[in-house]
PDB file of all heavy atoms in Angstrom:
ATOM      1  N   PRO A   1      -0.661   9.829   3.592  1.00  0.00           N
ATOM      2  CA  PRO A   1      -2.005   9.581   4.120  1.00  0.00           C
ATOM      3  C   PRO A   1      -1.922   9.092   5.560  1.00  0.00           C
ATOM      4  O   PRO A   1      -1.004   8.350   5.926  1.00  0.00           O
ATOM      5  CB  PRO A   1      -2.559   8.480   3.208  1.00  0.00           C
ATOM      6  CG  PRO A   1      -1.710   8.520   1.981  1.00  0.00           C
ATOM      7  CD  PRO A   1      -0.362   8.985   2.420  1.00  0.00           C
ATOM      8  N   GLN A   2      -2.861   9.502   6.360  1.00  0.00           N
ATOM      9  CA  GLN A   2      -2.866   9.117   7.764  1.00  0.00           C
ATOM     10  C   GLN A   2      -2.833   7.600   7.904  1.00  0.00           C
ATOM     11  O   GLN A   2      -3.654   6.882   7.338  1.00  0.00           O
ATOM     12  CB  GLN A   2      -4.124   9.660   8.436  1.00  0.00           C
ATOM     13  CG  GLN A   2      -4.277   9.240   9.889  1.00  0.00           C
ATOM     14  CD  GLN A   2      -5.593   9.700  10.459  1.00  0.00           C
ATOM     15  OE1 GLN A   2      -6.062  10.782  10.152  1.00  0.00           O
ATOM     16  NE2 GLN A   2      -6.210   8.863  11.285  1.00  0.00           N
ATOM     17  N   GLY A   3      -1.870   7.113   8.665  1.00  0.00           N
ATOM     18  CA  GLY A   3      -1.780   5.685   8.943  1.00  0.00           C
ATOM     19  C   GLY A   3      -1.134   4.861   7.850  1.00  0.00           C
ATOM     20  O   GLY A   3      -0.980   3.641   8.011  1.00  0.00           O
ATOM     21  N   TRP A   4      -0.734   5.484   6.754  1.00  0.00           N
ATOM     22  CA  TRP A   4      -0.222   4.723   5.610  1.00  0.00           C
ATOM     23  C   TRP A   4       1.053   3.963   5.944  1.00  0.00           C
ATOM     24  O   TRP A   4       1.232   2.806   5.522  1.00  0.00           O
ATOM     25  CB  TRP A   4       0.025   5.672   4.437  1.00  0.00           C
ATOM     26  CG  TRP A   4       0.426   4.988   3.163  1.00  0.00           C
ATOM     27  CD1 TRP A   4      -0.387   4.549   2.172  1.00  0.00           C
ATOM     28  CD2 TRP A   4       1.764   4.666   2.743  1.00  0.00           C
ATOM     29  NE1 TRP A   4       0.332   3.966   1.161  1.00  0.00           N
ATOM     30  CE2 TRP A   4       1.670   4.029   1.485  1.00  0.00           C
ATOM     31  CE3 TRP A   4       3.030   4.845   3.300  1.00  0.00           C
ATOM     32  CZ2 TRP A   4       2.779   3.581   0.794  1.00  0.00           C
ATOM     33  CZ3 TRP A   4       4.147   4.392   2.608  1.00  0.00           C
ATOM     34  CH2 TRP A   4       4.016   3.772   1.362  1.00  0.00           C
ATOM     35  N   LEU A   5       1.971   4.600   6.714  1.00  0.00           N
ATOM     36  CA  LEU A   5       3.272   3.987   6.992  1.00  0.00           C
ATOM     37  C   LEU A   5       3.144   2.611   7.628  1.00  0.00           C
ATOM     38  O   LEU A   5       3.804   1.656   7.220  1.00  0.00           O
ATOM     39  CB  LEU A   5       4.095   4.908   7.908  1.00  0.00           C
ATOM     40  CG  LEU A   5       4.955   5.973   7.220  1.00  0.00           C
ATOM     41  CD1 LEU A   5       5.628   6.844   8.272  1.00  0.00           C
ATOM     42  CD2 LEU A   5       6.004   5.323   6.325  1.00  0.00           C
ATOM     43  N   ASP A   6       2.288   2.490   8.633  1.00  0.00           N
ATOM     44  CA  ASP A   6       2.186   1.238   9.382  1.00  0.00           C
ATOM     45  C   ASP A   6       1.100   0.315   8.858  1.00  0.00           C
ATOM     46  O   ASP A   6       0.951  -0.809   9.354  1.00  0.00           O
ATOM     47  CB  ASP A   6       1.934   1.542  10.865  1.00  0.00           C
ATOM     48  CG  ASP A   6       3.118   2.269  11.491  1.00  0.00           C
ATOM     49  OD1 ASP A   6       4.262   1.917  11.147  1.00  0.00           O
ATOM     50  OD2 ASP A   6       2.893   3.190  12.297  1.00  0.00           O
ATOM     51  N   CYS A   7       0.351   0.770   7.875  1.00  0.00           N
ATOM     52  CA  CYS A   7      -0.677  -0.085   7.281  1.00  0.00           C
ATOM     53  C   CYS A   7      -0.004  -1.175   6.452  1.00  0.00           C
ATOM     54  O   CYS A   7       0.863  -0.874   5.623  1.00  0.00           O
ATOM     55  CB  CYS A   7      -1.604   0.746   6.401  1.00  0.00           C
ATOM     56  SG  CYS A   7      -2.805  -0.225   5.460  1.00  0.00           S
ATOM     57  N   PRO A   8      -0.375  -2.427   6.649  1.00  0.00           N
ATOM     58  CA  PRO A   8       0.207  -3.509   5.819  1.00  0.00           C
ATOM     59  C   PRO A   8       0.014  -3.206   4.336  1.00  0.00           C
ATOM     60  O   PRO A   8      -1.042  -2.715   3.927  1.00  0.00           O
ATOM     61  CB  PRO A   8      -0.585  -4.746   6.247  1.00  0.00           C
ATOM     62  CG  PRO A   8      -1.049  -4.430   7.636  1.00  0.00           C
ATOM     63  CD  PRO A   8      -1.325  -2.953   7.644  1.00  0.00           C
ATOM     64  N   SER A   9       1.016  -3.492   3.538  1.00  0.00           N
ATOM     65  CA  SER A   9       0.994  -3.070   2.136  1.00  0.00           C
ATOM     66  C   SER A   9      -0.120  -3.734   1.339  1.00  0.00           C
ATOM     67  O   SER A   9      -0.782  -3.085   0.521  1.00  0.00           O
ATOM     68  CB  SER A   9       2.345  -3.356   1.474  1.00  0.00           C
ATOM     69  OG  SER A   9       2.646  -4.750   1.561  1.00  0.00           O
ATOM     70  N   HIS A  10      -0.355  -5.029   1.532  1.00  0.00           N
ATOM     71  CA  HIS A  10      -1.381  -5.710   0.750  1.00  0.00           C
ATOM     72  C   HIS A  10      -1.841  -6.960   1.481  1.00  0.00           C
ATOM     73  O   HIS A  10      -1.216  -7.419   2.455  1.00  0.00           O
ATOM     74  CB  HIS A  10      -0.861  -6.078  -0.647  1.00  0.00           C
ATOM     75  CG  HIS A  10       0.338  -6.979  -0.622  1.00  0.00           C
ATOM     76  ND1 HIS A  10       0.253  -8.345  -0.459  1.00  0.00           N
ATOM     77  CD2 HIS A  10       1.670  -6.695  -0.719  1.00  0.00           C
ATOM     78  CE1 HIS A  10       1.461  -8.875  -0.476  1.00  0.00           C
ATOM     79  NE2 HIS A  10       2.346  -7.899  -0.626  1.00  0.00           N
ATOM     80  N   GLY A  11      -2.916  -7.515   1.027  1.00  0.00           N
ATOM     81  CA  GLY A  11      -3.430  -8.749   1.597  1.00  0.00           C
ATOM     82  C   GLY A  11      -3.148  -9.925   0.684  1.00  0.00           C
ATOM     83  O   GLY A  11      -2.406  -9.813  -0.295  1.00  0.00           O
ATOM     84  N   GLN A  12      -3.754 -11.050   0.991  1.00  0.00           N
ATOM     85  CA  GLN A  12      -3.609 -12.247   0.172  1.00  0.00           C
ATOM     86  C   GLN A  12      -4.586 -12.196  -0.999  1.00  0.00           C
ATOM     87  O   GLN A  12      -5.634 -11.544  -0.922  1.00  0.00           O
ATOM     88  CB  GLN A  12      -3.875 -13.495   1.027  1.00  0.00           C
ATOM     89  CG  GLN A  12      -2.871 -13.700   2.142  1.00  0.00           C
ATOM     90  CD  GLN A  12      -1.451 -13.861   1.613  1.00  0.00           C
ATOM     91  OE1 GLN A  12      -1.204 -14.650   0.693  1.00  0.00           O
ATOM     92  NE2 GLN A  12      -0.521 -13.104   2.178  1.00  0.00           N
ATOM     93  N   PRO A  13      -4.269 -12.873  -2.090  1.00  0.00           N
ATOM     94  CA  PRO A  13      -5.178 -12.852  -3.247  1.00  0.00           C
ATOM     95  C   PRO A  13      -6.553 -13.420  -2.898  1.00  0.00           C
ATOM     96  O   PRO A  13      -6.670 -14.408  -2.172  1.00  0.00           O
ATOM     97  CB  PRO A  13      -4.458 -13.737  -4.278  1.00  0.00           C
ATOM     98  CG  PRO A  13      -3.018 -13.708  -3.875  1.00  0.00           C
ATOM     99  CD  PRO A  13      -3.030 -13.629  -2.375  1.00  0.00           C
ATOM    100  N   ILE A  14      -7.582 -12.777  -3.423  1.00  0.00           N
ATOM    101  CA  ILE A  14      -8.952 -13.268  -3.340  1.00  0.00           C
ATOM    102  C   ILE A  14      -9.326 -13.609  -4.778  1.00  0.00           C
ATOM    103  O   ILE A  14      -9.673 -12.732  -5.564  1.00  0.00           O
ATOM    104  CB  ILE A  14      -9.897 -12.205  -2.754  1.00  0.00           C
ATOM    105  CG1 ILE A  14      -9.397 -11.782  -1.372  1.00  0.00           C
ATOM    106  CG2 ILE A  14     -11.328 -12.735  -2.684  1.00  0.00           C
ATOM    107  CD1 ILE A  14     -10.152 -10.602  -0.788  1.00  0.00           C
ATOM    108  N   GLY A  15      -9.200 -14.878  -5.117  1.00  0.00           N
ATOM    109  CA  GLY A  15      -9.259 -15.227  -6.526  1.00  0.00           C
ATOM    110  C   GLY A  15      -8.022 -14.652  -7.190  1.00  0.00           C
ATOM    111  O   GLY A  15      -6.887 -14.952  -6.807  1.00  0.00           O
ATOM    112  N   TYR A  16      -8.236 -13.766  -8.154  1.00  0.00           N
ATOM    113  CA  TYR A  16      -7.117 -13.087  -8.805  1.00  0.00           C
ATOM    114  C   TYR A  16      -7.072 -11.608  -8.443  1.00  0.00           C
ATOM    115  O   TYR A  16      -6.389 -10.827  -9.096  1.00  0.00           O
ATOM    116  CB  TYR A  16      -7.204 -13.256 -10.324  1.00  0.00           C
ATOM    117  CG  TYR A  16      -6.806 -14.638 -10.776  1.00  0.00           C
ATOM    118  CD1 TYR A  16      -7.760 -15.629 -10.944  1.00  0.00           C
ATOM    119  CD2 TYR A  16      -5.474 -14.957 -10.984  1.00  0.00           C
ATOM    120  CE1 TYR A  16      -7.397 -16.913 -11.333  1.00  0.00           C
ATOM    121  CE2 TYR A  16      -5.093 -16.226 -11.378  1.00  0.00           C
ATOM    122  CZ  TYR A  16      -6.061 -17.204 -11.551  1.00  0.00           C
ATOM    123  OH  TYR A  16      -5.689 -18.474 -11.929  1.00  0.00           O
ATOM    124  N   MET A  17      -7.766 -11.234  -7.370  1.00  0.00           N
ATOM    125  CA  MET A  17      -7.749  -9.846  -6.914  1.00  0.00           C
ATOM    126  C   MET A  17      -6.882  -9.727  -5.668  1.00  0.00           C
ATOM    127  O   MET A  17      -7.013 -10.524  -4.735  1.00  0.00           O
ATOM    128  CB  MET A  17      -9.173  -9.364  -6.608  1.00  0.00           C
ATOM    129  CG  MET A  17     -10.080  -9.305  -7.813  1.00  0.00           C
ATOM    130  SD  MET A  17     -11.771  -8.792  -7.379  1.00  0.00           S
ATOM    131  CE  MET A  17     -12.327 -10.209  -6.435  1.00  0.00           C
ATOM    132  N   ILE A  18      -6.017  -8.713  -5.657  1.00  0.00           N
ATOM    133  CA  ILE A  18      -5.131  -8.486  -4.517  1.00  0.00           C
ATOM    134  C   ILE A  18      -5.486  -7.137  -3.893  1.00  0.00           C
ATOM    135  O   ILE A  18      -5.305  -6.085  -4.516  1.00  0.00           O
ATOM    136  CB  ILE A  18      -3.656  -8.486  -4.948  1.00  0.00           C
ATOM    137  CG1 ILE A  18      -3.293  -9.827  -5.572  1.00  0.00           C
ATOM    138  CG2 ILE A  18      -2.755  -8.180  -3.755  1.00  0.00           C
ATOM    139  CD1 ILE A  18      -1.894  -9.879  -6.149  1.00  0.00           C
ATOM    140  N   PRO A  19      -6.013  -7.126  -2.659  1.00  0.00           N
ATOM    141  CA  PRO A  19      -6.320  -5.858  -1.987  1.00  0.00           C
ATOM    142  C   PRO A  19      -5.037  -5.197  -1.502  1.00  0.00           C
ATOM    143  O   PRO A  19      -4.154  -5.859  -0.951  1.00  0.00           O
ATOM    144  CB  PRO A  19      -7.209  -6.286  -0.814  1.00  0.00           C
ATOM    145  CG  PRO A  19      -6.828  -7.712  -0.544  1.00  0.00           C
ATOM    146  CD  PRO A  19      -6.404  -8.295  -1.855  1.00  0.00           C
ATOM    147  N   SER A  20      -4.939  -3.896  -1.709  1.00  0.00           N
ATOM    148  CA  SER A  20      -3.675  -3.215  -1.436  1.00  0.00           C
ATOM    149  C   SER A  20      -3.917  -1.783  -0.979  1.00  0.00           C
ATOM    150  O   SER A  20      -4.944  -1.182  -1.285  1.00  0.00           O
ATOM    151  CB  SER A  20      -2.809  -3.217  -2.708  1.00  0.00           C
ATOM    152  OG  SER A  20      -1.700  -2.362  -2.598  1.00  0.00           O
ATOM    153  N   LYS A  21      -2.946  -1.257  -0.236  1.00  0.00           N
ATOM    154  CA  LYS A  21      -2.955   0.185   0.012  1.00  0.00           C
ATOM    155  C   LYS A  21      -2.374   0.872  -1.215  1.00  0.00           C
ATOM    156  O   LYS A  21      -1.808   0.220  -2.108  1.00  0.00           O
ATOM    157  CB  LYS A  21      -2.169   0.538   1.265  1.00  0.00           C
ATOM    158  CG  LYS A  21      -0.653   0.345   1.174  1.00  0.00           C
ATOM    159  CD  LYS A  21       0.011   0.731   2.492  1.00  0.00           C
ATOM    160  CE  LYS A  21       1.533   0.561   2.451  1.00  0.00           C
ATOM    161  NZ  LYS A  21       2.166   0.903   3.744  1.00  0.00           N
ATOM    162  N   VAL A  22      -2.491   2.184  -1.294  1.00  0.00           N
ATOM    163  CA  VAL A  22      -2.053   2.895  -2.480  1.00  0.00           C
ATOM    164  C   VAL A  22      -0.519   2.917  -2.563  1.00  0.00           C
ATOM    165  O   VAL A  22       0.157   3.263  -1.591  1.00  0.00           O
ATOM    166  CB  VAL A  22      -2.605   4.332  -2.506  1.00  0.00           C
ATOM    167  CG1 VAL A  22      -2.175   5.137  -1.290  1.00  0.00           C
ATOM    168  CG2 VAL A  22      -2.192   5.045  -3.799  1.00  0.00           C
ATOM    169  N   PRO A  23       0.048   2.503  -3.682  1.00  0.00           N
ATOM    170  CA  PRO A  23       1.492   2.668  -3.860  1.00  0.00           C
ATOM    171  C   PRO A  23       1.818   4.159  -4.039  1.00  0.00           C
ATOM    172  O   PRO A  23       1.054   4.888  -4.674  1.00  0.00           O
ATOM    173  CB  PRO A  23       1.792   1.882  -5.139  1.00  0.00           C
ATOM    174  CG  PRO A  23       0.585   1.005  -5.360  1.00  0.00           C
ATOM    175  CD  PRO A  23      -0.568   1.782  -4.806  1.00  0.00           C
ATOM    176  N   LEU A  24       2.946   4.603  -3.508  1.00  0.00           N
ATOM    177  CA  LEU A  24       3.363   6.004  -3.627  1.00  0.00           C
ATOM    178  C   LEU A  24       4.586   6.090  -4.532  1.00  0.00           C
ATOM    179  O   LEU A  24       5.504   5.269  -4.439  1.00  0.00           O
ATOM    180  CB  LEU A  24       3.701   6.577  -2.249  1.00  0.00           C
ATOM    181  CG  LEU A  24       2.584   6.522  -1.200  1.00  0.00           C
ATOM    182  CD1 LEU A  24       3.064   7.142   0.104  1.00  0.00           C
ATOM    183  CD2 LEU A  24       1.337   7.241  -1.701  1.00  0.00           C
ATOM    184  N   ASP A  25       4.610   7.105  -5.386  1.00  0.00           N
ATOM    185  CA  ASP A  25       5.742   7.226  -6.309  1.00  0.00           C
ATOM    186  C   ASP A  25       6.984   7.732  -5.580  1.00  0.00           C
ATOM    187  O   ASP A  25       6.958   8.045  -4.388  1.00  0.00           O
ATOM    188  CB  ASP A  25       5.377   8.116  -7.496  1.00  0.00           C
ATOM    189  CG  ASP A  25       5.069   9.546  -7.092  1.00  0.00           C
ATOM    190  OD1 ASP A  25       5.724  10.069  -6.162  1.00  0.00           O
ATOM    191  OD2 ASP A  25       4.162  10.149  -7.691  1.00  0.00           O
ATOM    192  N   GLU A  26       8.072   7.848  -6.313  1.00  0.00           N
ATOM    193  CA  GLU A  26       9.366   8.155  -5.694  1.00  0.00           C
ATOM    194  C   GLU A  26       9.448   9.552  -5.120  1.00  0.00           C
ATOM    195  O   GLU A  26      10.348   9.845  -4.336  1.00  0.00           O
ATOM    196  CB  GLU A  26      10.481   7.926  -6.713  1.00  0.00           C
ATOM    197  CG  GLU A  26      10.628   6.460  -7.120  1.00  0.00           C
ATOM    198  CD  GLU A  26      11.745   6.247  -8.124  1.00  0.00           C
ATOM    199  OE1 GLU A  26      12.349   7.267  -8.540  1.00  0.00           O
ATOM    200  OE2 GLU A  26      12.013   5.088  -8.494  1.00  0.00           O
ATOM    201  N   SER A  27       8.526  10.429  -5.468  1.00  0.00           N
ATOM    202  CA  SER A  27       8.573  11.785  -4.911  1.00  0.00           C
ATOM    203  C   SER A  27       8.248  11.783  -3.417  1.00  0.00           C
ATOM    204  O   SER A  27       8.458  12.782  -2.733  1.00  0.00           O
ATOM    205  CB  SER A  27       7.593  12.695  -5.659  1.00  0.00           C
ATOM    206  OG  SER A  27       6.257  12.290  -5.440  1.00  0.00           O
ATOM    207  N   TYR A  28       7.714  10.656  -2.909  1.00  0.00           N
ATOM    208  CA  TYR A  28       7.420  10.537  -1.477  1.00  0.00           C
ATOM    209  C   TYR A  28       8.585   9.921  -0.704  1.00  0.00           C
ATOM    210  O   TYR A  28       8.491   9.750   0.521  1.00  0.00           O
ATOM    211  CB  TYR A  28       6.189   9.648  -1.265  1.00  0.00           C
ATOM    212  CG  TYR A  28       4.874  10.306  -1.597  1.00  0.00           C
ATOM    213  CD1 TYR A  28       4.377  10.279  -2.888  1.00  0.00           C
ATOM    214  CD2 TYR A  28       4.122  10.937  -0.613  1.00  0.00           C
ATOM    215  CE1 TYR A  28       3.160  10.870  -3.203  1.00  0.00           C
ATOM    216  CE2 TYR A  28       2.904  11.533  -0.908  1.00  0.00           C
ATOM    217  CZ  TYR A  28       2.428  11.492  -2.208  1.00  0.00           C
ATOM    218  OH  TYR A  28       1.231  12.089  -2.500  1.00  0.00           O
ATOM    219  N   ASN A  29       9.675   9.574  -1.384  1.00  0.00           N
ATOM    220  CA  ASN A  29      10.746   8.821  -0.727  1.00  0.00           C
ATOM    221  C   ASN A  29      11.374   9.565   0.448  1.00  0.00           C
ATOM    222  O   ASN A  29      11.848   8.932   1.398  1.00  0.00           O
ATOM    223  CB  ASN A  29      11.838   8.460  -1.736  1.00  0.00           C
ATOM    224  CG  ASN A  29      11.413   7.306  -2.628  1.00  0.00           C
ATOM    225  OD1 ASN A  29      10.348   6.726  -2.435  1.00  0.00           O
ATOM    226  ND2 ASN A  29      12.246   6.979  -3.615  1.00  0.00           N
ATOM    227  N   ASP A  30      11.388  10.919   0.398  1.00  0.00           N
ATOM    228  CA  ASP A  30      11.998  11.645   1.515  1.00  0.00           C
ATOM    229  C   ASP A  30      11.125  11.598   2.763  1.00  0.00           C
ATOM    230  O   ASP A  30      11.558  11.994   3.843  1.00  0.00           O
ATOM    231  CB  ASP A  30      12.290  13.098   1.123  1.00  0.00           C
ATOM    232  CG  ASP A  30      11.061  13.819   0.619  1.00  0.00           C
ATOM    233  OD1 ASP A  30      10.062  13.130   0.305  1.00  0.00           O
ATOM    234  OD2 ASP A  30      11.087  15.060   0.533  1.00  0.00           O
ATOM    235  N   LEU A  31       9.889  11.085   2.619  1.00  0.00           N
ATOM    236  CA  LEU A  31       8.998  10.958   3.768  1.00  0.00           C
ATOM    237  C   LEU A  31       8.929   9.529   4.288  1.00  0.00           C
ATOM    238  O   LEU A  31       8.322   9.277   5.333  1.00  0.00           O
ATOM    239  CB  LEU A  31       7.580  11.404   3.396  1.00  0.00           C
ATOM    240  CG  LEU A  31       7.395  12.871   2.972  1.00  0.00           C
ATOM    241  CD1 LEU A  31       5.938  13.111   2.591  1.00  0.00           C
ATOM    242  CD2 LEU A  31       7.818  13.802   4.084  1.00  0.00           C
TER     243      LEU A  31
END
């Protein structure tokens, strides 16, 4: 996804919710 590499992975918890970018499975590892 555009900008995904440099986008911070996640933020700090808001209560018990953690805002995050989408995790990518291992098939993306070559990228």
